[in-house]
Amino acid sequence: MTSQSLLRGLVREARPKQWAKNVLVFVAPAAAGVLNPFESTYYLRLTVVGFVAFCLVSSATYVVNDILDVESDRAHPTKRNRPIAAGVVPVGVAVVVAVLMFTTGVVLALFNRGPDAEVNWALGGIVAGYAVLTTTYSLWLKRVVVLDLVILSAGFILRLLGGAFAAGVDVSDWFLVISLFGSMFIAAAKRHAEAAELGAQASTVRATLGEYSPAYLNMVQTIAASGTVISYCLWAVEAGSDASVTTTVATPWAQLSIIPLVIAVLRYALLVDKGEGAAPEDVILHDRQMQLMGALLAACIFIGGVRMSMTREVLTGWGRTAPSAARVVAARGDDEVASALASVDARGLVARGSGAPTATVPRTPGGWSWMVPRTRASST
């Protein structure tokens, strides 16, 4: 075995194609409208570091999974060609590489804001938790019926949440609901495609596949797909008609994004029904219609986020406090003030004016601001 073949084997073992799943890290910041590079690259840099951290840690878990599944992989029609199963990468080398990638990924997650900034414990916990969850899945949970679907979908959800923690944006209730249903849809579709691909050998390669009937997996897919589309439509309609946002752009970008989303779900379901979808990343990388719908969906969300960012302002804090994007409402009357107060989230409300400056509140370039706690804002 040459060092060149070993290096190629390690690259294959890291599965760069699987990194396409980690693009989910960009979803929450994009939906929050903070990835506009024309306004600031601060949040984009934070998200990119989070993406790299997930790529490293996910690759480490793939290596660990292949180490644990080396015997069953050798009986699989395609997985037997994986570097560890084929003997290209020795198990000892694979263990060292997995540890290095995991450690580097977690460190990047903890310090995605820079070495001199506050440690991002939330992102570090999400990334480390993802590794623990997937490793536990490889050791035990993949053999537990139903739970293997839940854990598989949880991997996608953690990527989505990781993006939110990387950029420091809030996660709405709608985001969580859409993520839950969408992840379950992909997980059920993956199992359905695997069962169709493996045929009579399905239960031998993966025990849980012998417990799932095609009718059951179809039912789970239907429920998850319906939940994804309905919850996304409700979010898009609500986001597009947010009366508390002052904007001169009438084009309903959020509502328009429903069209590519629905087409993408229908297309993915068709591909799974034809026996594809065992590897979701292959569908994303090779199906032109899915790529087109994904691009249109991303464009609608990005353009809507750019328009929304026109009503946002970056507030700078004191010391190590990171800048944060806040929605600025130009209230022109009591009704609009009441609407803004009603939409206050857990972080509170920043009221900008000419009040006396203090050293305990964020400040804006054009004046001083102060925080109104949620309890005060809600009682008004």
Protein backbone atom coordinates (compact mmCIF):
# COMPACT_ATOMS: atom_id res chain seq x y z
CA MET A 1 0.00 0.00 0.00
CA THR A 2 1.43 3.38 -1.04
CA SER A 3 1.01 6.65 0.80
CA GLN A 4 -0.83 8.01 -2.25
CA SER A 5 -3.42 5.22 -2.18
CA LEU A 6 -3.79 5.69 1.58
CA LEU A 7 -4.39 9.43 1.12
CA ARG A 8 -6.97 8.79 -1.59
CA GLY A 9 -8.62 6.26 0.70
CA LEU A 10 -8.79 8.75 3.56
CA VAL A 11 -10.35 11.37 1.28
CA ARG A 12 -12.95 8.85 0.13
CA GLU A 13 -13.56 7.80 3.73
CA ALA A 14 -14.28 11.43 4.67
CA ARG A 15 -17.06 11.35 2.06
CA PRO A 16 -16.90 14.91 0.70
CA LYS A 17 -20.16 14.28 -1.20
CA GLN A 18 -21.93 13.95 2.13
CA TRP A 19 -20.96 17.52 2.97
CA ALA A 20 -23.84 18.61 0.77
CA LYS A 21 -26.10 17.77 3.74
CA ASN A 22 -24.26 20.37 5.82
CA VAL A 23 -25.53 23.14 3.54
CA LEU A 24 -28.52 23.01 5.91
CA VAL A 25 -26.33 25.06 8.27
CA PHE A 26 -27.01 28.10 6.08
CA VAL A 27 -30.82 27.77 6.18
CA ALA A 28 -31.57 29.49 9.52
CA PRO A 29 -29.25 32.50 8.96
CA ALA A 30 -30.61 32.89 5.40
CA ALA A 31 -34.21 32.77 6.64
CA ALA A 32 -33.32 35.36 9.29
CA GLY A 33 -32.00 37.68 6.58
CA VAL A 34 -28.50 38.12 8.00
CA LEU A 35 -26.45 36.60 5.14
CA ASN A 36 -26.59 39.67 2.91
CA PRO A 37 -22.91 40.14 1.90
CA PHE A 38 -23.65 43.64 0.60
CA GLU A 39 -24.57 44.72 4.13
CA SER A 40 -22.05 42.80 6.24
CA THR A 41 -19.99 39.60 5.98
CA TYR A 42 -19.90 39.11 9.75
CA TYR A 43 -22.73 36.56 9.97
CA LEU A 44 -21.65 34.88 6.74
CA ARG A 45 -18.19 34.25 8.21
CA LEU A 46 -19.70 32.80 11.40
CA THR A 47 -21.92 30.48 9.37
CA VAL A 48 -19.10 29.32 7.08
CA VAL A 49 -17.00 28.35 10.12
CA GLY A 50 -19.99 26.45 11.49
CA PHE A 51 -20.34 24.68 8.13
CA VAL A 52 -16.67 23.64 8.17
CA ALA A 53 -17.02 22.40 11.76
CA PHE A 54 -19.96 20.20 10.80
CA CYS A 55 -18.08 18.86 7.76
CA LEU A 56 -15.13 17.81 9.91
CA VAL A 57 -17.22 16.24 12.66
CA SER A 58 -19.61 14.51 10.26
CA SER A 59 -16.64 13.04 8.39
CA ALA A 60 -15.26 11.80 11.72
CA THR A 61 -18.57 10.06 12.47
CA TYR A 62 -18.59 8.44 9.00
CA VAL A 63 -15.14 7.01 9.72
CA VAL A 64 -16.28 5.71 13.13
CA ASN A 65 -19.40 4.23 11.56
CA ASP A 66 -17.33 2.39 8.94
CA ILE A 67 -14.99 1.07 11.63
CA LEU A 68 -17.95 -0.33 13.59
CA ASP A 69 -19.73 -1.68 10.49
CA VAL A 70 -16.71 -3.12 8.71
CA GLU A 71 -18.06 -6.69 8.70
CA SER A 72 -21.59 -5.86 7.54
CA ASP A 73 -20.20 -3.45 4.93
CA ARG A 74 -18.21 -6.29 3.39
CA ALA A 75 -21.52 -8.12 2.80
CA HIS A 76 -23.16 -5.05 1.20
CA PRO A 77 -23.17 -4.87 -2.63
CA THR A 78 -21.74 -1.34 -2.73
CA LYS A 79 -20.49 -0.57 0.78
CA ARG A 80 -17.88 -3.32 0.52
CA ASN A 81 -15.89 -0.95 -1.68
CA ARG A 82 -15.47 1.58 1.14
CA PRO A 83 -11.78 2.09 2.01
CA ILE A 84 -11.91 0.51 5.48
CA ALA A 85 -14.03 -2.46 4.39
CA ALA A 86 -11.77 -2.98 1.36
CA GLY A 87 -8.61 -2.81 3.49
CA VAL A 88 -7.26 0.32 1.82
CA VAL A 89 -7.27 2.28 5.11
CA PRO A 90 -6.08 0.37 8.22
CA VAL A 91 -8.38 0.57 11.22
CA GLY A 92 -5.64 2.12 13.42
CA VAL A 93 -5.06 4.96 10.97
CA ALA A 94 -8.80 5.51 10.66
CA VAL A 95 -9.15 5.89 14.43
CA VAL A 96 -6.40 8.56 14.61
CA VAL A 97 -7.88 10.52 11.68
CA ALA A 98 -11.38 10.39 13.22
CA VAL A 99 -10.11 11.78 16.53
CA LEU A 100 -8.22 14.61 14.80
CA MET A 101 -11.22 15.62 12.67
CA PHE A 102 -13.60 15.52 15.64
CA THR A 103 -11.30 17.61 17.85
CA THR A 104 -10.66 20.20 15.13
CA GLY A 105 -14.36 20.48 14.33
CA VAL A 106 -15.41 21.03 17.95
CA VAL A 107 -12.66 23.62 18.50
CA LEU A 108 -13.77 25.52 15.39
CA ALA A 109 -17.36 25.44 16.64
CA LEU A 110 -16.40 26.75 20.07
CA PHE A 111 -14.35 29.62 18.62
CA ASN A 112 -16.29 30.39 15.42
CA ARG A 113 -16.47 34.06 16.51
CA GLY A 114 -12.69 34.30 16.76
CA PRO A 115 -10.06 33.46 19.39
CA ASP A 116 -10.60 36.70 21.29
CA ALA A 117 -14.41 36.56 21.36
CA GLU A 118 -16.78 34.79 23.71
CA VAL A 119 -16.75 30.98 23.44
CA ASN A 120 -19.76 29.67 21.50
CA TRP A 121 -20.76 26.91 23.90
CA ALA A 122 -24.12 26.43 22.18
CA LEU A 123 -22.61 25.64 18.77
CA GLY A 124 -19.88 23.51 20.33
CA GLY A 125 -22.54 21.54 22.20
CA ILE A 126 -24.62 21.05 19.05
CA VAL A 127 -21.61 19.83 17.03
CA ALA A 128 -20.39 17.51 19.80
CA GLY A 129 -23.96 16.33 20.41
CA TYR A 130 -24.29 15.49 16.72
CA ALA A 131 -21.18 13.31 16.94
CA VAL A 132 -22.41 11.54 20.08
CA LEU A 133 -25.86 10.98 18.58
CA THR A 134 -24.58 9.54 15.32
CA THR A 135 -22.05 7.33 17.12
CA THR A 136 -24.78 6.03 19.46
CA TYR A 137 -26.87 5.41 16.37
CA SER A 138 -24.09 3.35 14.82
CA LEU A 139 -23.59 1.33 18.01
CA TRP A 140 -27.19 0.63 18.95
CA LEU A 141 -30.08 2.89 17.87
CA LYS A 142 -29.97 1.92 14.18
CA ARG A 143 -31.24 -1.51 15.24
CA VAL A 144 -34.28 -0.10 17.10
CA VAL A 145 -37.39 0.14 14.94
CA VAL A 146 -38.88 3.65 14.59
CA LEU A 147 -36.14 5.18 16.74
CA ASP A 148 -33.72 4.73 13.85
CA LEU A 149 -35.98 6.98 11.74
CA VAL A 150 -36.16 9.55 14.54
CA ILE A 151 -32.39 9.62 15.06
CA LEU A 152 -31.74 9.79 11.33
CA SER A 153 -34.01 12.82 11.04
CA ALA A 154 -32.45 14.33 14.18
CA GLY A 155 -29.13 14.55 12.34
CA PHE A 156 -30.70 16.95 9.83
CA ILE A 157 -32.36 18.97 12.59
CA LEU A 158 -29.07 19.42 14.46
CA ARG A 159 -27.49 20.80 11.28
CA LEU A 160 -30.32 23.32 10.98
CA LEU A 161 -30.02 24.34 14.63
CA GLY A 162 -26.24 24.48 14.31
CA GLY A 163 -26.58 27.18 11.66
CA ALA A 164 -28.79 29.23 13.96
CA PHE A 165 -26.31 28.96 16.84
CA ALA A 166 -23.36 29.65 14.53
CA ALA A 167 -24.82 32.97 13.38
CA GLY A 168 -26.51 33.73 16.69
CA VAL A 169 -30.02 34.09 15.25
CA ASP A 170 -33.28 33.09 16.89
CA VAL A 171 -35.12 29.93 15.90
CA SER A 172 -38.86 30.42 15.46
CA ASP A 173 -41.53 27.86 16.25
CA TRP A 174 -42.31 27.55 12.55
CA PHE A 175 -38.68 26.80 11.77
CA LEU A 176 -38.67 23.93 14.25
CA VAL A 177 -41.95 22.48 12.94
CA ILE A 178 -40.81 22.64 9.30
CA SER A 179 -37.45 21.11 10.25
CA LEU A 180 -39.07 18.24 12.14
CA PHE A 181 -41.43 17.26 9.32
CA GLY A 182 -38.89 17.85 6.55
CA SER A 183 -36.22 15.76 8.27
CA MET A 184 -38.64 12.92 8.91
CA PHE A 185 -39.66 12.99 5.24
CA ILE A 186 -36.05 12.60 4.10
CA ALA A 187 -35.38 9.87 6.68
CA ALA A 188 -38.44 7.81 5.67
CA ALA A 189 -37.66 8.30 1.98
CA LYS A 190 -34.10 7.12 2.56
CA ARG A 191 -35.28 3.91 4.24
CA HIS A 192 -37.85 3.34 1.48
CA ALA A 193 -35.19 3.68 -1.23
CA GLU A 194 -32.75 1.44 0.68
CA ALA A 195 -35.36 -1.30 0.97
CA ALA A 196 -36.11 -1.11 -2.75
CA GLU A 197 -32.40 -1.13 -3.66
CA LEU A 198 -31.43 -4.08 -1.45
CA GLY A 199 -34.51 -6.20 -2.14
CA ALA A 200 -34.36 -9.60 -0.41
CA GLN A 201 -31.07 -8.70 1.30
CA ALA A 202 -32.57 -5.67 3.04
CA SER A 203 -33.11 -7.30 6.44
CA THR A 204 -29.65 -8.88 6.31
CA VAL A 205 -27.83 -5.61 5.71
CA ARG A 206 -30.04 -3.50 8.01
CA ALA A 207 -32.25 -5.30 10.53
CA THR A 208 -34.88 -2.56 10.78
CA LEU A 209 -35.60 -2.71 7.05
CA GLY A 210 -37.13 -6.13 7.62
CA GLU A 211 -39.62 -4.57 10.05
CA TYR A 212 -40.80 -1.77 7.77
CA SER A 213 -43.36 -2.63 5.11
CA PRO A 214 -43.59 -0.46 1.97
CA ALA A 215 -47.06 0.64 3.09
CA TYR A 216 -45.74 1.81 6.46
CA LEU A 217 -42.87 3.81 4.96
CA ASN A 218 -45.28 5.34 2.43
CA MET A 219 -47.54 6.40 5.28
CA VAL A 220 -44.66 8.05 7.17
CA GLN A 221 -43.54 9.81 3.98
CA THR A 222 -47.07 11.08 3.32
CA ILE A 223 -47.52 12.42 6.85
CA ALA A 224 -44.08 14.05 6.87
CA ALA A 225 -44.43 15.55 3.38
CA SER A 226 -47.88 16.94 4.21
CA GLY A 227 -46.62 18.42 7.46
CA THR A 228 -43.63 19.98 5.70
CA VAL A 229 -45.69 21.63 2.96
CA ILE A 230 -48.50 22.83 5.23
CA SER A 231 -46.24 24.25 7.92
CA TYR A 232 -44.01 25.93 5.31
CA CYS A 233 -47.05 27.51 3.63
CA LEU A 234 -48.31 28.84 6.97
CA TRP A 235 -44.88 30.28 7.77
CA ALA A 236 -44.51 31.86 4.31
CA VAL A 237 -47.95 33.49 4.43
CA GLU A 238 -47.28 34.82 7.94
CA ALA A 239 -43.77 36.04 7.06
CA GLY A 240 -44.94 37.72 3.88
CA SER A 241 -47.71 39.61 5.63
CA ASP A 242 -45.77 40.79 8.69
CA ALA A 243 -47.42 44.11 9.41
CA SER A 244 -44.71 45.15 11.84
CA VAL A 245 -42.10 45.39 9.08
CA THR A 246 -41.97 48.62 7.12
CA THR A 247 -40.92 48.00 3.53
CA THR A 248 -41.50 49.56 0.14
CA VAL A 249 -41.15 46.22 -1.70
CA ALA A 250 -44.52 44.66 -2.50
CA THR A 251 -43.26 41.39 -4.09
CA PRO A 252 -44.18 38.53 -1.71
CA TRP A 253 -40.90 36.60 -1.86
CA ALA A 254 -41.78 34.37 1.08
CA GLN A 255 -45.06 33.31 -0.55
CA LEU A 256 -43.35 32.77 -3.92
CA SER A 257 -40.90 30.36 -2.29
CA ILE A 258 -43.82 27.97 -1.70
CA ILE A 259 -43.83 27.04 -5.40
CA PRO A 260 -40.28 25.60 -5.66
CA LEU A 261 -40.65 24.00 -2.22
CA VAL A 262 -43.76 22.06 -3.22
CA ILE A 263 -42.25 21.04 -6.57
CA ALA A 264 -39.06 19.86 -4.81
CA VAL A 265 -41.05 17.71 -2.36
CA LEU A 266 -43.09 16.17 -5.19
CA ARG A 267 -39.97 15.55 -7.27
CA TYR A 268 -38.12 13.92 -4.37
CA ALA A 269 -41.11 11.67 -3.65
CA LEU A 270 -41.18 10.61 -7.32
CA LEU A 271 -37.47 9.75 -7.31
CA VAL A 272 -37.89 7.67 -4.16
CA ASP A 273 -40.84 5.87 -5.69
CA LYS A 274 -38.57 4.98 -8.63
CA GLY A 275 -36.00 3.47 -6.26
CA GLU A 276 -33.67 6.47 -5.89
CA GLY A 277 -32.97 8.47 -2.72
CA ALA A 278 -30.99 5.92 -0.69
CA ALA A 279 -28.27 8.60 -0.64
CA PRO A 280 -29.98 12.04 -0.39
CA GLU A 281 -26.75 13.81 -1.34
CA ASP A 282 -26.72 11.99 -4.71
CA VAL A 283 -30.20 13.29 -5.47
CA ILE A 284 -29.12 16.83 -4.63
CA LEU A 285 -25.91 16.62 -6.66
CA HIS A 286 -27.23 14.84 -9.75
CA ASP A 287 -30.91 15.62 -10.30
CA ARG A 288 -31.22 18.81 -12.35
CA GLN A 289 -34.83 19.52 -11.42
CA MET A 290 -34.04 19.28 -7.71
CA GLN A 291 -31.08 21.60 -8.20
CA LEU A 292 -33.23 24.12 -10.08
CA MET A 293 -35.95 24.07 -7.42
CA GLY A 294 -33.33 24.38 -4.68
CA ALA A 295 -31.78 27.37 -6.45
CA LEU A 296 -35.17 29.06 -6.88
CA LEU A 297 -36.09 28.39 -3.25
CA ALA A 298 -32.75 29.78 -2.05
CA ALA A 299 -33.13 32.81 -4.32
CA CYS A 300 -36.59 33.63 -2.98
CA ILE A 301 -35.43 33.30 0.63
CA PHE A 302 -32.24 35.27 -0.03
CA ILE A 303 -33.96 38.11 -1.87
CA GLY A 304 -36.66 38.23 0.79
CA GLY A 305 -33.93 38.26 3.43
CA VAL A 306 -32.13 41.11 1.66
CA ARG A 307 -35.35 43.12 1.55
CA MET A 308 -35.97 42.30 5.19
CA SER A 309 -32.42 43.34 6.07
CA MET A 310 -33.27 46.80 4.76
CA THR A 311 -35.36 47.12 7.91
CA ARG A 312 -32.58 45.75 10.11
CA GLU A 313 -29.78 47.56 11.84
CA VAL A 314 -26.64 46.15 13.40
CA LEU A 315 -26.38 47.15 17.06
CA THR A 316 -22.92 47.11 18.58
CA GLY A 317 -22.46 46.33 22.23
CA TRP A 318 -19.72 46.87 24.78
CA GLY A 319 -16.67 44.77 25.48
CA ARG A 320 -16.94 41.30 23.95
CA THR A 321 -20.62 41.59 23.10
CA ALA A 322 -21.06 40.49 19.47
CA PRO A 323 -22.97 42.73 17.05
CA SER A 324 -26.59 41.67 16.63
CA ALA A 325 -29.11 42.34 13.87
CA ALA A 326 -32.30 43.98 15.06
CA ARG A 327 -35.46 44.71 13.14
CA VAL A 328 -36.12 48.44 12.98
CA VAL A 329 -39.76 49.47 12.88
CA ALA A 330 -40.62 52.98 11.75
CA ALA A 331 -43.81 53.36 13.76
CA ARG A 332 -46.09 56.10 12.48
CA GLY A 333 -48.88 55.79 14.98
CA ASP A 334 -50.24 54.06 18.05
CA ASP A 335 -51.47 51.06 16.06
CA GLU A 336 -48.04 50.33 14.63
CA VAL A 337 -46.43 50.77 18.05
CA ALA A 338 -48.92 48.28 19.50
CA SER A 339 -48.18 45.83 16.65
CA ALA A 340 -44.44 46.08 17.28
CA LEU A 341 -44.90 45.51 21.01
CA ALA A 342 -47.09 42.47 20.36
CA SER A 343 -44.35 40.88 18.24
CA VAL A 344 -41.62 41.16 20.89
CA ASP A 345 -39.76 37.89 21.40
CA ALA A 346 -37.82 36.60 24.40
CA ARG A 347 -34.91 38.98 23.77
CA GLY A 348 -37.05 42.04 24.41
CA LEU A 349 -37.42 45.27 22.49
CA VAL A 350 -34.82 47.88 21.60
CA ALA A 351 -36.40 51.33 21.69
CA ARG A 352 -34.26 53.89 19.90
CA GLY A 353 -34.42 57.53 20.85
CA SER A 354 -32.59 60.43 22.42
CA GLY A 355 -32.63 59.18 25.98
CA ALA A 356 -29.74 59.62 28.37
CA PRO A 357 -26.79 57.39 27.43
CA THR A 358 -25.77 54.60 29.75
CA ALA A 359 -22.92 52.11 29.66
CA THR A 360 -25.14 49.05 30.03
CA VAL A 361 -27.06 49.14 26.78
CA PRO A 362 -26.25 48.70 23.06
CA ARG A 363 -25.74 51.85 21.07
CA THR A 364 -26.44 52.75 17.47
CA PRO A 365 -24.50 55.09 15.20
CA GLY A 366 -27.29 57.67 15.21
CA GLY A 367 -28.26 57.77 18.86
CA TRP A 368 -28.65 55.84 22.06
CA SER A 369 -30.90 52.82 22.67
CA TRP A 370 -32.26 51.05 25.69
CA MET A 371 -33.74 47.62 26.33
CA VAL A 372 -37.39 47.19 27.28
CA PRO A 373 -37.85 43.79 28.99
CA ARG A 374 -40.51 41.50 27.56
CA THR A 375 -42.64 41.81 30.69
CA ARG A 376 -42.88 45.58 30.28
CA ALA A 377 -43.40 45.38 26.52
CA SER A 378 -46.18 42.80 26.82
CA SER A 379 -48.10 44.82 29.39
CA THR A 380 -48.27 47.92 27.21
